[in-house]
Amino acid sequence: MTSENNDLMPACLDRQISIADHDAFGHRHFAEALRSLIESKTHSPPFSIGLLGGWGTGKSTIKDLYIGALHNDSRKDSSRRTRSDRIHTITFN
């Protein structure tokens, strides 16, 4: 006789993270690359960037890691503005 519990498939939640300390899969490196692309002096805003990939590949995590770092950076540039004062993000889903 089998138990009902043995017949159930274990579930795990697929949630994006926004703190680099919780990044077990190295998405922070992609978030840093995204920062380099967005904040490079060679590109003039406005521009759009798309993160493409299959379900569960880390697109939202990469975006949230970048945006979290952007909003947590309180350093000011020569014009006394923070990165989040200079850079504004909009998410289309």
PDB file of N, CA and C in Angstrom:
ATOM      1  N   MET A   1       0.841  -1.161   0.000  1.00  0.00           N
ATOM      2  CA  MET A   1       0.000   0.000   0.000  1.00  0.00           C
ATOM      3  C   MET A   1       0.898   1.240   0.000  1.00  0.00           C
ATOM      4  N   THR A   2       0.635   2.200  -0.893  1.00  0.00           N
ATOM      5  CA  THR A   2       1.435   3.409  -0.966  1.00  0.00           C
ATOM      6  C   THR A   2       0.709   4.540  -0.260  1.00  0.00           C
ATOM      7  N   SER A   3       1.488   5.394   0.289  1.00  0.00           N
ATOM      8  CA  SER A   3       0.939   6.567   0.968  1.00  0.00           C
ATOM      9  C   SER A   3       0.627   7.638  -0.065  1.00  0.00           C
ATOM     10  N   GLU A   4      -0.393   8.421   0.195  1.00  0.00           N
ATOM     11  CA  GLU A   4      -0.722   9.516  -0.715  1.00  0.00           C
ATOM     12  C   GLU A   4       0.429  10.504  -0.807  1.00  0.00           C
ATOM     13  N   ASN A   5       1.152  10.715   0.259  1.00  0.00           N
ATOM     14  CA  ASN A   5       2.268  11.662   0.262  1.00  0.00           C
ATOM     15  C   ASN A   5       3.387  11.225  -0.668  1.00  0.00           C
ATOM     16  N   ASN A   6       3.576   9.928  -0.848  1.00  0.00           N
ATOM     17  CA  ASN A   6       4.626   9.443  -1.744  1.00  0.00           C
ATOM     18  C   ASN A   6       4.271   9.667  -3.206  1.00  0.00           C
ATOM     19  N   ASP A   7       2.994   9.842  -3.501  1.00  0.00           N
ATOM     20  CA  ASP A   7       2.552  10.033  -4.873  1.00  0.00           C
ATOM     21  C   ASP A   7       2.625  11.489  -5.323  1.00  0.00           C
ATOM     22  N   LEU A   8       2.821  12.392  -4.396  1.00  0.00           N
ATOM     23  CA  LEU A   8       2.849  13.813  -4.730  1.00  0.00           C
ATOM     24  C   LEU A   8       4.230  14.233  -5.191  1.00  0.00           C
ATOM     25  N   MET A   9       4.239  15.063  -6.178  1.00  0.00           N
ATOM     26  CA  MET A   9       5.492  15.611  -6.651  1.00  0.00           C
ATOM     27  C   MET A   9       5.863  16.798  -5.761  1.00  0.00           C
ATOM     28  N   PRO A  10       7.098  16.887  -5.326  1.00  0.00           N
ATOM     29  CA  PRO A  10       7.473  18.035  -4.494  1.00  0.00           C
ATOM     30  C   PRO A  10       7.371  19.321  -5.300  1.00  0.00           C
ATOM     31  N   ALA A  11       6.946  20.366  -4.646  1.00  0.00           N
ATOM     32  CA  ALA A  11       6.783  21.656  -5.310  1.00  0.00           C
ATOM     33  C   ALA A  11       7.892  22.595  -4.875  1.00  0.00           C
ATOM     34  N   CYS A  12       8.298  23.436  -5.785  1.00  0.00           N
ATOM     35  CA  CYS A  12       9.206  24.506  -5.414  1.00  0.00           C
ATOM     36  C   CYS A  12       8.726  25.770  -6.116  1.00  0.00           C
ATOM     37  N   LEU A  13       8.903  26.869  -5.441  1.00  0.00           N
ATOM     38  CA  LEU A  13       8.437  28.140  -5.958  1.00  0.00           C
ATOM     39  C   LEU A  13       9.504  28.759  -6.840  1.00  0.00           C
ATOM     40  N   ASP A  14       9.078  29.343  -7.928  1.00  0.00           N
ATOM     41  CA  ASP A  14       9.981  30.051  -8.822  1.00  0.00           C
ATOM     42  C   ASP A  14       9.763  31.537  -8.586  1.00  0.00           C
ATOM     43  N   ARG A  15      10.656  32.134  -7.813  1.00  0.00           N
ATOM     44  CA  ARG A  15      10.549  33.551  -7.503  1.00  0.00           C
ATOM     45  C   ARG A  15      11.850  34.232  -7.860  1.00  0.00           C
ATOM     46  N   GLN A  16      11.725  35.438  -8.405  1.00  0.00           N
ATOM     47  CA  GLN A  16      12.931  36.199  -8.661  1.00  0.00           C
ATOM     48  C   GLN A  16      13.462  36.740  -7.337  1.00  0.00           C
ATOM     49  N   ILE A  17      14.747  37.036  -7.324  1.00  0.00           N
ATOM     50  CA  ILE A  17      15.365  37.609  -6.135  1.00  0.00           C
ATOM     51  C   ILE A  17      15.819  39.021  -6.463  1.00  0.00           C
ATOM     52  N   SER A  18      16.004  39.833  -5.439  1.00  0.00           N
ATOM     53  CA  SER A  18      16.472  41.192  -5.669  1.00  0.00           C
ATOM     54  C   SER A  18      17.681  41.530  -4.806  1.00  0.00           C
ATOM     55  N   ILE A  19      18.212  40.542  -4.088  1.00  0.00           N
ATOM     56  CA  ILE A  19      19.382  40.745  -3.239  1.00  0.00           C
ATOM     57  C   ILE A  19      20.491  39.819  -3.725  1.00  0.00           C
ATOM     58  N   ALA A  20      21.634  40.389  -4.035  1.00  0.00           N
ATOM     59  CA  ALA A  20      22.738  39.607  -4.595  1.00  0.00           C
ATOM     60  C   ALA A  20      23.184  38.482  -3.662  1.00  0.00           C
ATOM     61  N   ASP A  21      23.011  38.645  -2.358  1.00  0.00           N
ATOM     62  CA  ASP A  21      23.400  37.592  -1.408  1.00  0.00           C
ATOM     63  C   ASP A  21      22.588  36.315  -1.595  1.00  0.00           C
ATOM     64  N   HIS A  22      21.408  36.415  -2.187  1.00  0.00           N
ATOM     65  CA  HIS A  22      20.548  35.253  -2.410  1.00  0.00           C
ATOM     66  C   HIS A  22      20.755  34.630  -3.796  1.00  0.00           C
ATOM     67  N   ASP A  23      21.702  35.133  -4.546  1.00  0.00           N
ATOM     68  CA  ASP A  23      21.922  34.700  -5.931  1.00  0.00           C
ATOM     69  C   ASP A  23      22.771  33.436  -5.977  1.00  0.00           C
ATOM     70  N   ALA A  24      22.113  32.298  -6.079  1.00  0.00           N
ATOM     71  CA  ALA A  24      22.817  31.021  -6.106  1.00  0.00           C
ATOM     72  C   ALA A  24      23.263  30.623  -7.513  1.00  0.00           C
ATOM     73  N   PHE A  25      22.765  31.299  -8.545  1.00  0.00           N
ATOM     74  CA  PHE A  25      23.035  30.881  -9.916  1.00  0.00           C
ATOM     75  C   PHE A  25      23.896  31.866 -10.712  1.00  0.00           C
ATOM     76  N   GLY A  26      24.456  32.864 -10.079  1.00  0.00           N
ATOM     77  CA  GLY A  26      25.362  33.783 -10.764  1.00  0.00           C
ATOM     78  C   GLY A  26      24.682  34.820 -11.630  1.00  0.00           C
ATOM     79  N   HIS A  27      23.432  35.127 -11.347  1.00  0.00           N
ATOM     80  CA  HIS A  27      22.736  36.142 -12.136  1.00  0.00           C
ATOM     81  C   HIS A  27      23.294  37.543 -11.897  1.00  0.00           C
ATOM     82  N   ARG A  28      23.984  37.749 -10.770  1.00  0.00           N
ATOM     83  CA  ARG A  28      24.531  39.075 -10.473  1.00  0.00           C
ATOM     84  C   ARG A  28      25.537  39.497 -11.539  1.00  0.00           C
ATOM     85  N   HIS A  29      26.204  38.525 -12.165  1.00  0.00           N
ATOM     86  CA  HIS A  29      27.156  38.861 -13.222  1.00  0.00           C
ATOM     87  C   HIS A  29      26.431  39.427 -14.445  1.00  0.00           C
ATOM     88  N   PHE A  30      25.261  38.876 -14.736  1.00  0.00           N
ATOM     89  CA  PHE A  30      24.456  39.422 -15.833  1.00  0.00           C
ATOM     90  C   PHE A  30      23.904  40.789 -15.465  1.00  0.00           C
ATOM     91  N   ALA A  31      23.535  40.984 -14.184  1.00  0.00           N
ATOM     92  CA  ALA A  31      23.052  42.289 -13.726  1.00  0.00           C
ATOM     93  C   ALA A  31      24.159  43.337 -13.836  1.00  0.00           C
ATOM     94  N   GLU A  32      25.396  42.942 -13.540  1.00  0.00           N
ATOM     95  CA  GLU A  32      26.531  43.857 -13.692  1.00  0.00           C
ATOM     96  C   GLU A  32      26.783  44.180 -15.163  1.00  0.00           C
ATOM     97  N   ALA A  33      26.615  43.195 -16.034  1.00  0.00           N
ATOM     98  CA  ALA A  33      26.750  43.449 -17.474  1.00  0.00           C
ATOM     99  C   ALA A  33      25.648  44.381 -17.962  1.00  0.00           C
ATOM    100  N   LEU A  34      24.445  44.201 -17.433  1.00  0.00           N
ATOM    101  CA  LEU A  34      23.335  45.089 -17.774  1.00  0.00           C
ATOM    102  C   LEU A  34      23.655  46.510 -17.326  1.00  0.00           C
ATOM    103  N   ARG A  35      24.228  46.649 -16.132  1.00  0.00           N
ATOM    104  CA  ARG A  35      24.618  47.976 -15.650  1.00  0.00           C
ATOM    105  C   ARG A  35      25.640  48.601 -16.589  1.00  0.00           C
ATOM    106  N   SER A  36      26.626  47.830 -17.003  1.00  0.00           N
ATOM    107  CA  SER A  36      27.643  48.356 -17.922  1.00  0.00           C
ATOM    108  C   SER A  36      27.022  48.842 -19.221  1.00  0.00           C
ATOM    109  N   LEU A  37      26.067  48.093 -19.719  1.00  0.00           N
ATOM    110  CA  LEU A  37      25.395  48.472 -20.958  1.00  0.00           C
ATOM    111  C   LEU A  37      24.580  49.747 -20.777  1.00  0.00           C
ATOM    112  N   ILE A  38      23.793  49.805 -19.713  1.00  0.00           N
ATOM    113  CA  ILE A  38      22.908  50.943 -19.482  1.00  0.00           C
ATOM    114  C   ILE A  38      23.688  52.208 -19.142  1.00  0.00           C
ATOM    115  N   GLU A  39      24.708  52.072 -18.306  1.00  0.00           N
ATOM    116  CA  GLU A  39      25.381  53.245 -17.771  1.00  0.00           C
ATOM    117  C   GLU A  39      26.655  53.615 -18.513  1.00  0.00           C
ATOM    118  N   SER A  40      26.898  52.962 -19.629  1.00  0.00           N
ATOM    119  CA  SER A  40      28.057  53.271 -20.451  1.00  0.00           C
ATOM    120  C   SER A  40      27.924  54.675 -21.037  1.00  0.00           C
ATOM    121  N   LYS A  41      29.030  55.353 -21.136  1.00  0.00           N
ATOM    122  CA  LYS A  41      29.033  56.701 -21.732  1.00  0.00           C
ATOM    123  C   LYS A  41      28.917  56.649 -23.252  1.00  0.00           C
ATOM    124  N   THR A  42      29.028  55.451 -23.849  1.00  0.00           N
ATOM    125  CA  THR A  42      28.976  55.347 -25.306  1.00  0.00           C
ATOM    126  C   THR A  42      27.547  55.283 -25.839  1.00  0.00           C
ATOM    127  N   HIS A  43      26.569  55.060 -24.958  1.00  0.00           N
ATOM    128  CA  HIS A  43      25.175  54.988 -25.386  1.00  0.00           C
ATOM    129  C   HIS A  43      24.419  56.207 -24.867  1.00  0.00           C
ATOM    130  N   SER A  44      23.633  56.803 -25.737  1.00  0.00           N
ATOM    131  CA  SER A  44      22.851  57.973 -25.341  1.00  0.00           C
ATOM    132  C   SER A  44      21.400  57.581 -25.116  1.00  0.00           C
ATOM    133  N   PRO A  45      20.852  57.905 -23.959  1.00  0.00           N
ATOM    134  CA  PRO A  45      19.437  57.608 -23.730  1.00  0.00           C
ATOM    135  C   PRO A  45      18.567  58.529 -24.568  1.00  0.00           C
ATOM    136  N   PRO A  46      17.359  58.202 -24.812  1.00  0.00           N
ATOM    137  CA  PRO A  46      16.663  57.011 -24.325  1.00  0.00           C
ATOM    138  C   PRO A  46      16.922  55.806 -25.217  1.00  0.00           C
ATOM    139  N   PHE A  47      16.852  54.631 -24.640  1.00  0.00           N
ATOM    140  CA  PHE A  47      16.961  53.390 -25.398  1.00  0.00           C
ATOM    141  C   PHE A  47      16.221  52.295 -24.655  1.00  0.00           C
ATOM    142  N   SER A  48      15.963  51.222 -25.354  1.00  0.00           N
ATOM    143  CA  SER A  48      15.248  50.082 -24.777  1.00  0.00           C
ATOM    144  C   SER A  48      16.152  48.867 -24.771  1.00  0.00           C
ATOM    145  N   ILE A  49      16.014  48.063 -23.738  1.00  0.00           N
ATOM    146  CA  ILE A  49      16.766  46.819 -23.632  1.00  0.00           C
ATOM    147  C   ILE A  49      15.772  45.711 -23.348  1.00  0.00           C
ATOM    148  N   GLY A  50      15.876  44.622 -24.070  1.00  0.00           N
ATOM    149  CA  GLY A  50      15.019  43.473 -23.824  1.00  0.00           C
ATOM    150  C   GLY A  50      15.824  42.334 -23.236  1.00  0.00           C
ATOM    151  N   LEU A  51      15.285  41.699 -22.219  1.00  0.00           N
ATOM    152  CA  LEU A  51      15.886  40.481 -21.661  1.00  0.00           C
ATOM    153  C   LEU A  51      15.039  39.325 -22.155  1.00  0.00           C
ATOM    154  N   LEU A  52      15.609  38.498 -22.994  1.00  0.00           N
ATOM    155  CA  LEU A  52      14.873  37.406 -23.613  1.00  0.00           C
ATOM    156  C   LEU A  52      15.377  36.065 -23.112  1.00  0.00           C
ATOM    157  N   GLY A  53      14.474  35.159 -22.886  1.00  0.00           N
ATOM    158  CA  GLY A  53      14.845  33.825 -22.445  1.00  0.00           C
ATOM    159  C   GLY A  53      13.607  33.059 -22.055  1.00  0.00           C
ATOM    160  N   GLY A  54      13.764  31.781 -21.869  1.00  0.00           N
ATOM    161  CA  GLY A  54      12.654  30.928 -21.481  1.00  0.00           C
ATOM    162  C   GLY A  54      12.203  31.182 -20.059  1.00  0.00           C
ATOM    163  N   TRP A  55      11.082  30.568 -19.716  1.00  0.00           N
ATOM    164  CA  TRP A  55      10.521  30.699 -18.382  1.00  0.00           C
ATOM    165  C   TRP A  55      11.512  30.149 -17.366  1.00  0.00           C
ATOM    166  N   GLY A  56      11.755  30.928 -16.300  1.00  0.00           N
ATOM    167  CA  GLY A  56      12.618  30.469 -15.223  1.00  0.00           C
ATOM    168  C   GLY A  56      14.107  30.623 -15.454  1.00  0.00           C
ATOM    169  N   THR A  57      14.507  31.360 -16.487  1.00  0.00           N
ATOM    170  CA  THR A  57      15.933  31.490 -16.773  1.00  0.00           C
ATOM    171  C   THR A  57      16.601  32.639 -16.035  1.00  0.00           C
ATOM    172  N   GLY A  58      15.825  33.484 -15.337  1.00  0.00           N
ATOM    173  CA  GLY A  58      16.413  34.534 -14.515  1.00  0.00           C
ATOM    174  C   GLY A  58      16.250  35.946 -15.023  1.00  0.00           C
ATOM    175  N   LYS A  59      15.389  36.156 -15.999  1.00  0.00           N
ATOM    176  CA  LYS A  59      15.206  37.502 -16.549  1.00  0.00           C
ATOM    177  C   LYS A  59      14.767  38.494 -15.478  1.00  0.00           C
ATOM    178  N   SER A  60      13.751  38.148 -14.715  1.00  0.00           N
ATOM    179  CA  SER A  60      13.254  39.050 -13.663  1.00  0.00           C
ATOM    180  C   SER A  60      14.285  39.236 -12.562  1.00  0.00           C
ATOM    181  N   THR A  61      15.019  38.198 -12.242  1.00  0.00           N
ATOM    182  CA  THR A  61      16.062  38.305 -11.224  1.00  0.00           C
ATOM    183  C   THR A  61      17.141  39.277 -11.674  1.00  0.00           C
ATOM    184  N   ILE A  62      17.579  39.184 -12.909  1.00  0.00           N
ATOM    185  CA  ILE A  62      18.608  40.090 -13.435  1.00  0.00           C
ATOM    186  C   ILE A  62      18.117  41.525 -13.368  1.00  0.00           C
ATOM    187  N   LYS A  63      16.892  41.747 -13.803  1.00  0.00           N
ATOM    188  CA  LYS A  63      16.306  43.091 -13.768  1.00  0.00           C
ATOM    189  C   LYS A  63      16.218  43.592 -12.335  1.00  0.00           C
ATOM    190  N   ASP A  64      15.716  42.767 -11.421  1.00  0.00           N
ATOM    191  CA  ASP A  64      15.537  43.194 -10.033  1.00  0.00           C
ATOM    192  C   ASP A  64      16.869  43.411  -9.320  1.00  0.00           C
ATOM    193  N   LEU A  65      17.883  42.614  -9.641  1.00  0.00           N
ATOM    194  CA  LEU A  65      19.201  42.841  -9.057  1.00  0.00           C
ATOM    195  C   LEU A  65      19.765  44.181  -9.511  1.00  0.00           C
ATOM    196  N   TYR A  66      19.609  44.501 -10.787  1.00  0.00           N
ATOM    197  CA  TYR A  66      20.091  45.791 -11.290  1.00  0.00           C
ATOM    198  C   TYR A  66      19.323  46.941 -10.641  1.00  0.00           C
ATOM    199  N   ILE A  67      18.010  46.864 -10.641  1.00  0.00           N
ATOM    200  CA  ILE A  67      17.199  47.950 -10.089  1.00  0.00           C
ATOM    201  C   ILE A  67      17.439  48.097  -8.583  1.00  0.00           C
ATOM    202  N   GLY A  68      17.590  46.988  -7.867  1.00  0.00           N
ATOM    203  CA  GLY A  68      17.875  47.059  -6.442  1.00  0.00           C
ATOM    204  C   GLY A  68      19.189  47.769  -6.166  1.00  0.00           C
ATOM    205  N   ALA A  69      20.225  47.423  -6.920  1.00  0.00           N
ATOM    206  CA  ALA A  69      21.522  48.079  -6.760  1.00  0.00           C
ATOM    207  C   ALA A  69      21.435  49.554  -7.136  1.00  0.00           C
ATOM    208  N   LEU A  70      20.651  49.861  -8.147  1.00  0.00           N
ATOM    209  CA  LEU A  70      20.467  51.244  -8.581  1.00  0.00           C
ATOM    210  C   LEU A  70      19.857  52.086  -7.461  1.00  0.00           C
ATOM    211  N   HIS A  71      18.807  51.588  -6.846  1.00  0.00           N
ATOM    212  CA  HIS A  71      18.104  52.347  -5.810  1.00  0.00           C
ATOM    213  C   HIS A  71      18.845  52.366  -4.473  1.00  0.00           C
ATOM    214  N   ASN A  72      19.717  51.385  -4.236  1.00  0.00           N
ATOM    215  CA  ASN A  72      20.465  51.340  -2.981  1.00  0.00           C
ATOM    216  C   ASN A  72      21.770  52.124  -3.029  1.00  0.00           C
ATOM    217  N   ASP A  73      22.146  52.618  -4.188  1.00  0.00           N
ATOM    218  CA  ASP A  73      23.398  53.363  -4.337  1.00  0.00           C
ATOM    219  C   ASP A  73      23.147  54.835  -4.015  1.00  0.00           C
ATOM    220  N   SER A  74      23.680  55.297  -2.910  1.00  0.00           N
ATOM    221  CA  SER A  74      23.438  56.687  -2.492  1.00  0.00           C
ATOM    222  C   SER A  74      24.588  57.622  -2.873  1.00  0.00           C
ATOM    223  N   ARG A  75      25.608  57.061  -3.549  1.00  0.00           N
ATOM    224  CA  ARG A  75      26.722  57.920  -3.971  1.00  0.00           C
ATOM    225  C   ARG A  75      26.243  58.942  -4.984  1.00  0.00           C
ATOM    226  N   LYS A  76      26.851  60.112  -4.963  1.00  0.00           N
ATOM    227  CA  LYS A  76      26.459  61.179  -5.882  1.00  0.00           C
ATOM    228  C   LYS A  76      27.590  61.467  -6.853  1.00  0.00           C
ATOM    229  N   ASP A  77      27.206  61.878  -8.057  1.00  0.00           N
ATOM    230  CA  ASP A  77      28.206  62.225  -9.067  1.00  0.00           C
ATOM    231  C   ASP A  77      28.585  63.698  -8.917  1.00  0.00           C
ATOM    232  N   SER A  78      29.327  64.215  -9.873  1.00  0.00           N
ATOM    233  CA  SER A  78      29.799  65.601  -9.801  1.00  0.00           C
ATOM    234  C   SER A  78      28.650  66.614  -9.803  1.00  0.00           C
ATOM    235  N   SER A  79      27.502  66.227 -10.334  1.00  0.00           N
ATOM    236  CA  SER A  79      26.342  67.131 -10.330  1.00  0.00           C
ATOM    237  C   SER A  79      25.461  66.910  -9.106  1.00  0.00           C
ATOM    238  N   ARG A  80      25.973  66.110  -8.140  1.00  0.00           N
ATOM    239  CA  ARG A  80      25.300  65.838  -6.871  1.00  0.00           C
ATOM    240  C   ARG A  80      23.992  65.072  -7.050  1.00  0.00           C
ATOM    241  N   ARG A  81      23.954  64.219  -8.080  1.00  0.00           N
ATOM    242  CA  ARG A  81      22.787  63.371  -8.307  1.00  0.00           C
ATOM    243  C   ARG A  81      23.182  61.909  -8.112  1.00  0.00           C
ATOM    244  N   THR A  82      22.278  61.129  -7.553  1.00  0.00           N
ATOM    245  CA  THR A  82      22.516  59.699  -7.411  1.00  0.00           C
ATOM    246  C   THR A  82      22.211  59.016  -8.740  1.00  0.00           C
ATOM    247  N   ARG A  83      22.612  57.754  -8.839  1.00  0.00           N
ATOM    248  CA  ARG A  83      22.308  56.995 -10.064  1.00  0.00           C
ATOM    249  C   ARG A  83      20.812  56.929 -10.290  1.00  0.00           C
ATOM    250  N   SER A  84      20.028  56.715  -9.231  1.00  0.00           N
ATOM    251  CA  SER A  84      18.572  56.597  -9.412  1.00  0.00           C
ATOM    252  C   SER A  84      17.937  57.937  -9.764  1.00  0.00           C
ATOM    253  N   ASP A  85      18.625  59.057  -9.490  1.00  0.00           N
ATOM    254  CA  ASP A  85      18.139  60.357  -9.969  1.00  0.00           C
ATOM    255  C   ASP A  85      18.355  60.501 -11.471  1.00  0.00           C
ATOM    256  N   ARG A  86      19.408  59.869 -11.974  1.00  0.00           N
ATOM    257  CA  ARG A  86      19.756  59.986 -13.395  1.00  0.00           C
ATOM    258  C   ARG A  86      19.120  58.919 -14.263  1.00  0.00           C
ATOM    259  N   ILE A  87      18.864  57.732 -13.698  1.00  0.00           N
ATOM    260  CA  ILE A  87      18.408  56.592 -14.478  1.00  0.00           C
ATOM    261  C   ILE A  87      17.030  56.179 -13.999  1.00  0.00           C
ATOM    262  N   HIS A  88      16.091  56.113 -14.918  1.00  0.00           N
ATOM    263  CA  HIS A  88      14.720  55.731 -14.597  1.00  0.00           C
ATOM    264  C   HIS A  88      14.364  54.487 -15.406  1.00  0.00           C
ATOM    265  N   THR A  89      13.775  53.519 -14.751  1.00  0.00           N
ATOM    266  CA  THR A  89      13.432  52.265 -15.424  1.00  0.00           C
ATOM    267  C   THR A  89      11.929  52.113 -15.528  1.00  0.00           C
ATOM    268  N   ILE A  90      11.511  51.485 -16.589  1.00  0.00           N
ATOM    269  CA  ILE A  90      10.115  51.145 -16.816  1.00  0.00           C
ATOM    270  C   ILE A  90      10.094  49.673 -17.235  1.00  0.00           C
ATOM    271  N   THR A  91       9.233  48.891 -16.630  1.00  0.00           N
ATOM    272  CA  THR A  91       9.146  47.477 -16.951  1.00  0.00           C
ATOM    273  C   THR A  91       7.863  47.195 -17.709  1.00  0.00           C
ATOM    274  N   PHE A  92       7.999  46.555 -18.850  1.00  0.00           N
ATOM    275  CA  PHE A  92       6.854  46.072 -19.618  1.00  0.00           C
ATOM    276  C   PHE A  92       6.846  44.552 -19.493  1.00  0.00           C
ATOM    277  N   ASN A  93       5.724  44.019 -19.156  1.00  0.00           N
ATOM    278  CA  ASN A  93       5.647  42.568 -18.985  1.00  0.00           C
ATOM    279  C   ASN A  93       4.558  42.027 -19.900  1.00  0.00           C
TER     280      ASN A  93
END
